[in-house]
Structure formats: C-alpha cells, structure tokens
C-alpha cells in the first residue's frame, strides 16, 4: 500500500498521463486529474467521467458550489489517501477562465488570500465530511469523521474550537437529516460529565453560537433526557481492581469523565475506569492516546476521552463516547 500511495502521490504534482480537468468555480484553479484514480474512489466522478455526460466527453468538470479549500483537500485525498491539516492559501486564476477563456497551466496564477471560509482544523474536517458525502467518497467521509472526532476530543477545553465546530456542523455544511454523525459527536461531547463543568463556566462566551444554532441546543436537551437515567443502577463503571461492575458513589459523581480515580462499592478500592455507562443509551470508554492522538498502550501516554459515534450500538477499533 505504501508503494502504491507513493506512486499516486507523485501523480498529484505531475500532469503526466492526466486525462481529466477539475476546475474550482470559486477560484478558477485547475486540477489535472486521472479518471482511473478519481472515478475509483468517487461514485459521483465515476458517473461524471462516463461518455454519457458532457463532462465525460469534454473531460472537464467545473465545480461551482464547493469551498475551494475543501475541494483542494478532496483531490489531495484521491492521490494520498489522506489530507493534511495545513490551511494554506488557494491560488486564484483570472475570471476569464470561468467565463469561457482558455484553460492553460498555472503560469498566470498568483498566490492570494483564499475565498475559503475554513479556518480551524476542526472546521476543515466538518467540510471534508460534507464534500465527501456530496461526491460519494465513502473512505474520505470516514477519514474526515475520525479526524473531527479526534480534534474534538483533544480540544474540549477550547471554547474557540467548540464554537467553530458548532457553527461548521449546524450552519455551514449541508447534510441529510438522516446523517447525524457529526451532530451526535458534538452533543455527546457537550453533555458527557468531566468537561461539562468547564463548558458551563464559559457558556456565556458561546452565546452567539447558541443563538445562531438553536438546533444544537435542542439536540443536547434531547440527549440529556434520553441518556441520563435516574435509576439507582447508573452511572456505573468497570472496576479494574476486582473486575466487576460498580455504581458510581455520590461523592465521586463530579469526577465522572475526568482522569481521576473512582471508588468501587464492591471492593472498596480506587481504580481508573475503562468505561462508564450512564444509561442503556449512553456509554463512554477511554483509551491511552499519544500527543498526536494515535491510540496505543504504554506508560508514556496520557489518558483522554475520545468521541465515538456508533451505528446500532456496535464498536470498531476507535472506541470512545458512544450512543446506542
């Protein structure tokens, strides 16, 4: 896979054998692409490259409605199977290209400020999730969701990041009502104990986001009503000392979700819980994570909570906050 990725990466910066041109409608920038590469990853481009469509016959597609940076990163993903978080400027070509002028190489293109609205990395991941859904790039959509999840988990103390995430998910991108992946990640992150006290202390700083995104407030209230049971069985955790399930004692309730010890009512010992279950609908787990958010084991790592949105309550390799 590494050798194949290296080979396709070289094609990204080399027009050799390119047989399709993608033009960003907002900037006029041209991307020389290869039909075999883009059509194999995108169902939309697979249809577009067919001779039944004008784009397939002319071998040119002008994409007028996409954010320039998100489009650039999607094309980067086609060739590298990942995209970087570096938010560089996007070069703009004179408008005569879109108006019907000749589409030439980049000789007449200068580096100028981008028209992209994307600034923080978490905003980028939200836009990548949306553009992947639009062009039916399933692997990119999963990759962007994972990056959004990791960025959110690593920045729960940052009001700036939380605000950018709320605006990106609820105002900037368009997703079908049935696709709640990023919305669920945000609402779960907001209501899970541990970071909630910090967010409450700075809630006034998010007033603009709350007023602009009432759907976010509605979603959090629905989750609160659904997820946190008043039953005496919750919240409960798995004690690593006696390897049994125990209910969190009242005096430990404020520390649930933080990197702190919890006392087991069964054995009387304190342990770091591997998971905490708040109800039949909400369970969170935590894993060792390095500074670059790679999940592994070892004494040099710090314990963090990570966001996880699950379908049908099942699990994958990246565990964390989950909603059944």
Foldseek 3Di string as FASTA:
>chain_A
DVVQLVVLLVCQVPLVPFQAWEAEQVFRDIGRHHLVQVVVQFVLSVVQLDPVHPCVVVRYHYDYPAFPVLVVQVSSCSRNVHGDLDDAFDKHDDPVVVVPDDDDDCPRIDGDHGPGPDDGSLLSLLSNLQVCVVRVRVSSNVNSLQVNQLVCQVPLLPPVSLLSLLCSNQPNGDDPPVDCSSLVLSLLSQPAADSVVSCVVCVVVNVVSCVVGVVSVVVNVVCVVPFADPDQQPFWFQAPVVRHIAHFDPVCVNNPQHQDWTAGPPPRDTDGTQKIGRDPFKIFGKAWAAPVRDGDDDDVTDITATTDEDDPPDDDPDGGIYTD
